[in-house]
Amino acid sequence: MKSFFRKLFFPILSPFESGTDPYSYKPLNRKVLIVVGILFLGLSLFLAPSAIKAGDIGYLLPLIVFSGAGLVCTVVGLLGNDRAVCKIWGNR
């Protein structure tokens, strides 16, 4: 099942998993990344009714940004390898 989702989200995972430079992985980084991704997705779900009700195009930008950040953080946290998690945090 995990391999199917890794293939499905390959365009998101490939930039973060590429490279040969050394990295320093801590298991807490993955847990925090998943929590941050869930918080961003929750925030975007909270903003969605406001954006629809307001009907203003200005509400779409935060909705797209928070949804995208939440999706990337959650996918990398759940499906990415250790290098991908370290690339998100920027620690080497």
N, C-alpha and C. Protein backbone atom coordinates (compact mmCIF):
# COMPACT_ATOMS: atom_id res chain seq x y z
N MET A 1 0.82 -1.19 0.00
CA MET A 1 0.00 0.00 0.00
C MET A 1 0.87 1.26 0.00
N LYS A 2 1.94 1.23 0.81
CA LYS A 2 2.81 2.39 0.88
C LYS A 2 3.51 2.63 -0.46
N SER A 3 3.88 1.56 -1.14
CA SER A 3 4.55 1.73 -2.43
C SER A 3 3.61 2.36 -3.47
N PHE A 4 2.32 2.03 -3.40
CA PHE A 4 1.35 2.65 -4.31
C PHE A 4 1.28 4.15 -4.07
N PHE A 5 1.21 4.56 -2.82
CA PHE A 5 1.14 5.99 -2.50
C PHE A 5 2.45 6.70 -2.81
N ARG A 6 3.58 6.00 -2.65
CA ARG A 6 4.86 6.61 -3.03
C ARG A 6 4.92 6.87 -4.53
N LYS A 7 4.37 5.96 -5.33
CA LYS A 7 4.31 6.16 -6.77
C LYS A 7 3.34 7.28 -7.13
N LEU A 8 2.24 7.35 -6.40
CA LEU A 8 1.23 8.38 -6.65
C LEU A 8 1.77 9.78 -6.36
N PHE A 9 2.51 9.91 -5.26
CA PHE A 9 3.05 11.20 -4.86
C PHE A 9 4.51 11.38 -5.26
N PHE A 10 4.95 10.66 -6.26
CA PHE A 10 6.34 10.77 -6.74
C PHE A 10 6.73 12.20 -7.12
N PRO A 11 5.86 12.99 -7.78
CA PRO A 11 6.26 14.36 -8.12
C PRO A 11 6.55 15.23 -6.89
N ILE A 12 5.91 14.95 -5.78
CA ILE A 12 6.16 15.72 -4.55
C ILE A 12 7.41 15.20 -3.86
N LEU A 13 7.60 13.88 -3.83
CA LEU A 13 8.70 13.29 -3.08
C LEU A 13 10.05 13.38 -3.77
N SER A 14 10.08 13.34 -5.08
CA SER A 14 11.36 13.26 -5.80
C SER A 14 12.30 14.43 -5.54
N PRO A 15 11.85 15.69 -5.50
CA PRO A 15 12.82 16.76 -5.23
C PRO A 15 13.43 16.69 -3.83
N PHE A 16 12.70 16.15 -2.89
CA PHE A 16 13.20 16.09 -1.52
C PHE A 16 14.07 14.87 -1.27
N GLU A 17 13.89 13.80 -2.03
CA GLU A 17 14.65 12.58 -1.82
C GLU A 17 15.92 12.51 -2.65
N SER A 18 16.12 13.44 -3.55
CA SER A 18 17.30 13.40 -4.40
C SER A 18 18.50 14.00 -3.67
N GLY A 19 19.68 13.61 -4.10
CA GLY A 19 20.91 14.16 -3.55
C GLY A 19 21.76 13.10 -2.87
N THR A 20 23.02 13.44 -2.67
CA THR A 20 23.95 12.52 -2.02
C THR A 20 24.66 13.16 -0.84
N ASP A 21 24.32 14.41 -0.53
CA ASP A 21 25.00 15.09 0.56
C ASP A 21 24.61 14.47 1.91
N PRO A 22 25.50 14.56 2.90
CA PRO A 22 25.21 13.97 4.21
C PRO A 22 24.07 14.73 4.91
N TYR A 23 23.38 14.02 5.78
CA TYR A 23 22.27 14.62 6.50
C TYR A 23 22.24 14.06 7.92
N SER A 24 21.59 14.78 8.78
CA SER A 24 21.46 14.37 10.18
C SER A 24 19.97 14.19 10.49
N TYR A 25 19.55 12.95 10.64
CA TYR A 25 18.14 12.64 10.85
C TYR A 25 17.84 12.41 12.32
N LYS A 26 16.74 13.00 12.77
CA LYS A 26 16.25 12.76 14.12
C LYS A 26 14.78 12.33 13.99
N PRO A 27 14.37 11.26 14.65
CA PRO A 27 12.98 10.79 14.52
C PRO A 27 11.94 11.83 14.92
N LEU A 28 12.29 12.74 15.81
CA LEU A 28 11.35 13.78 16.23
C LEU A 28 11.00 14.70 15.07
N ASN A 29 11.94 14.90 14.14
CA ASN A 29 11.68 15.77 12.99
C ASN A 29 10.51 15.26 12.16
N ARG A 30 10.41 13.96 11.98
CA ARG A 30 9.31 13.38 11.21
C ARG A 30 7.99 13.59 11.93
N LYS A 31 7.97 13.39 13.23
CA LYS A 31 6.74 13.56 14.00
C LYS A 31 6.26 15.01 13.97
N VAL A 32 7.18 15.93 14.13
CA VAL A 32 6.83 17.35 14.10
C VAL A 32 6.35 17.74 12.70
N LEU A 33 6.96 17.20 11.67
CA LEU A 33 6.55 17.49 10.29
C LEU A 33 5.12 17.02 10.03
N ILE A 34 4.78 15.85 10.53
CA ILE A 34 3.42 15.34 10.36
C ILE A 34 2.42 16.22 11.11
N VAL A 35 2.76 16.63 12.33
CA VAL A 35 1.87 17.49 13.11
C VAL A 35 1.68 18.83 12.42
N VAL A 36 2.76 19.42 11.91
CA VAL A 36 2.66 20.70 11.21
C VAL A 36 1.80 20.56 9.95
N GLY A 37 1.98 19.46 9.23
CA GLY A 37 1.17 19.23 8.04
C GLY A 37 -0.31 19.10 8.36
N ILE A 38 -0.62 18.39 9.43
CA ILE A 38 -2.03 18.25 9.84
C ILE A 38 -2.59 19.59 10.28
N LEU A 39 -1.80 20.40 10.97
CA LEU A 39 -2.26 21.73 11.38
C LEU A 39 -2.54 22.62 10.17
N PHE A 40 -1.66 22.59 9.18
CA PHE A 40 -1.88 23.38 7.96
C PHE A 40 -3.12 22.92 7.22
N LEU A 41 -3.31 21.60 7.12
CA LEU A 41 -4.51 21.08 6.45
C LEU A 41 -5.77 21.47 7.22
N GLY A 42 -5.70 21.42 8.55
CA GLY A 42 -6.84 21.84 9.37
C GLY A 42 -7.15 23.31 9.18
N LEU A 43 -6.12 24.13 9.11
CA LEU A 43 -6.31 25.56 8.88
C LEU A 43 -6.94 25.82 7.53
N SER A 44 -6.51 25.07 6.52
CA SER A 44 -7.10 25.27 5.19
C SER A 44 -8.56 24.81 5.17
N LEU A 45 -8.88 23.75 5.90
CA LEU A 45 -10.28 23.31 5.99
C LEU A 45 -11.13 24.33 6.74
N PHE A 46 -10.52 25.00 7.70
CA PHE A 46 -11.22 26.05 8.44
C PHE A 46 -11.46 27.28 7.56
N LEU A 47 -10.50 27.58 6.66
CA LEU A 47 -10.62 28.74 5.78
C LEU A 47 -11.55 28.51 4.59
N ALA A 48 -11.73 27.27 4.20
CA ALA A 48 -12.52 26.97 3.00
C ALA A 48 -13.95 27.51 3.07
N PRO A 49 -14.71 27.32 4.14
CA PRO A 49 -16.07 27.89 4.17
C PRO A 49 -16.08 29.41 4.11
N SER A 50 -15.10 30.04 4.75
CA SER A 50 -15.01 31.50 4.70
C SER A 50 -14.74 31.99 3.29
N ALA A 51 -13.88 31.29 2.58
CA ALA A 51 -13.55 31.69 1.22
C ALA A 51 -14.76 31.52 0.29
N ILE A 52 -15.50 30.46 0.50
CA ILE A 52 -16.67 30.23 -0.34
C ILE A 52 -17.77 31.24 -0.03
N LYS A 53 -17.96 31.50 1.27
CA LYS A 53 -19.01 32.43 1.66
C LYS A 53 -18.70 33.86 1.21
N ALA A 54 -17.44 34.27 1.32
CA ALA A 54 -17.07 35.63 0.96
C ALA A 54 -17.13 35.84 -0.56
N GLY A 55 -16.79 34.82 -1.30
CA GLY A 55 -16.82 34.94 -2.76
C GLY A 55 -15.74 35.84 -3.32
N ASP A 56 -14.79 36.22 -2.50
CA ASP A 56 -13.71 37.09 -2.93
C ASP A 56 -12.51 36.23 -3.32
N ILE A 57 -11.86 36.61 -4.39
CA ILE A 57 -10.72 35.83 -4.87
C ILE A 57 -9.52 35.97 -3.93
N GLY A 58 -9.49 36.99 -3.11
CA GLY A 58 -8.40 37.18 -2.17
C GLY A 58 -8.32 36.10 -1.10
N TYR A 59 -9.41 35.41 -0.85
CA TYR A 59 -9.41 34.33 0.12
C TYR A 59 -8.79 33.05 -0.43
N LEU A 60 -8.66 32.97 -1.73
CA LEU A 60 -8.12 31.76 -2.32
C LEU A 60 -6.61 31.60 -2.12
N LEU A 61 -5.88 32.70 -2.07
CA LEU A 61 -4.43 32.61 -1.91
C LEU A 61 -4.03 31.93 -0.60
N PRO A 62 -4.54 32.36 0.57
CA PRO A 62 -4.18 31.64 1.79
C PRO A 62 -4.66 30.19 1.78
N LEU A 63 -5.81 29.96 1.17
CA LEU A 63 -6.34 28.60 1.10
C LEU A 63 -5.41 27.71 0.29
N ILE A 64 -4.93 28.20 -0.83
CA ILE A 64 -4.02 27.42 -1.67
C ILE A 64 -2.67 27.22 -0.98
N VAL A 65 -2.15 28.26 -0.34
CA VAL A 65 -0.85 28.17 0.33
C VAL A 65 -0.90 27.18 1.49
N PHE A 66 -1.90 27.30 2.35
CA PHE A 66 -1.99 26.41 3.50
C PHE A 66 -2.30 24.98 3.08
N SER A 67 -3.13 24.80 2.07
CA SER A 67 -3.43 23.45 1.57
C SER A 67 -2.18 22.82 0.97
N GLY A 68 -1.45 23.58 0.18
CA GLY A 68 -0.23 23.05 -0.43
C GLY A 68 0.84 22.71 0.59
N ALA A 69 1.04 23.60 1.55
CA ALA A 69 2.04 23.34 2.59
C ALA A 69 1.63 22.14 3.44
N GLY A 70 0.36 22.04 3.76
CA GLY A 70 -0.11 20.90 4.54
C GLY A 70 0.04 19.59 3.79
N LEU A 71 -0.28 19.61 2.51
CA LEU A 71 -0.16 18.40 1.70
C LEU A 71 1.30 17.96 1.60
N VAL A 72 2.19 18.89 1.30
CA VAL A 72 3.61 18.55 1.16
C VAL A 72 4.18 18.04 2.49
N CYS A 73 3.90 18.72 3.58
CA CYS A 73 4.42 18.29 4.88
C CYS A 73 3.89 16.93 5.27
N THR A 74 2.62 16.69 5.06
CA THR A 74 2.03 15.41 5.44
C THR A 74 2.55 14.27 4.56
N VAL A 75 2.64 14.51 3.26
CA VAL A 75 3.13 13.46 2.35
C VAL A 75 4.59 13.14 2.65
N VAL A 76 5.43 14.14 2.82
CA VAL A 76 6.84 13.88 3.10
C VAL A 76 6.99 13.24 4.48
N GLY A 77 6.21 13.67 5.44
CA GLY A 77 6.30 13.08 6.77
C GLY A 77 5.87 11.63 6.82
N LEU A 78 4.83 11.30 6.08
CA LEU A 78 4.31 9.93 6.13
C LEU A 78 4.99 8.99 5.14
N LEU A 79 5.34 9.49 3.96
CA LEU A 79 5.83 8.60 2.90
C LEU A 79 7.31 8.80 2.55
N GLY A 80 7.87 9.95 2.88
CA GLY A 80 9.23 10.25 2.47
C GLY A 80 10.28 9.51 3.27
N ASN A 81 11.47 9.39 2.68
CA ASN A 81 12.57 8.75 3.41
C ASN A 81 13.22 9.77 4.34
N ASP A 82 14.25 9.34 5.05
CA ASP A 82 14.90 10.21 6.04
C ASP A 82 15.53 11.44 5.39
N ARG A 83 16.08 11.27 4.20
CA ARG A 83 16.70 12.41 3.50
C ARG A 83 15.66 13.48 3.18
N ALA A 84 14.46 13.07 2.78
CA ALA A 84 13.41 14.02 2.45
C ALA A 84 13.00 14.83 3.67
N VAL A 85 12.88 14.17 4.80
CA VAL A 85 12.51 14.86 6.04
C VAL A 85 13.60 15.86 6.42
N CYS A 86 14.84 15.47 6.28
CA CYS A 86 15.95 16.38 6.60
C CYS A 86 16.03 17.54 5.64
N LYS A 87 15.69 17.33 4.37
CA LYS A 87 15.70 18.44 3.41
C LYS A 87 14.62 19.45 3.73
N ILE A 88 13.47 19.00 4.22
CA ILE A 88 12.41 19.93 4.61
C ILE A 88 12.91 20.82 5.74
N TRP A 89 13.56 20.22 6.74
CA TRP A 89 14.05 20.98 7.89
C TRP A 89 15.34 21.74 7.59
N GLY A 90 16.06 21.32 6.56
CA GLY A 90 17.27 22.04 6.18
C GLY A 90 18.47 21.72 7.03
N ASN A 91 18.46 20.63 7.79
CA ASN A 91 19.62 20.29 8.60
C ASN A 91 20.47 19.25 7.90
N ARG A 92 21.76 19.46 7.99
CA ARG A 92 22.72 18.55 7.34
C ARG A 92 23.73 18.10 8.34
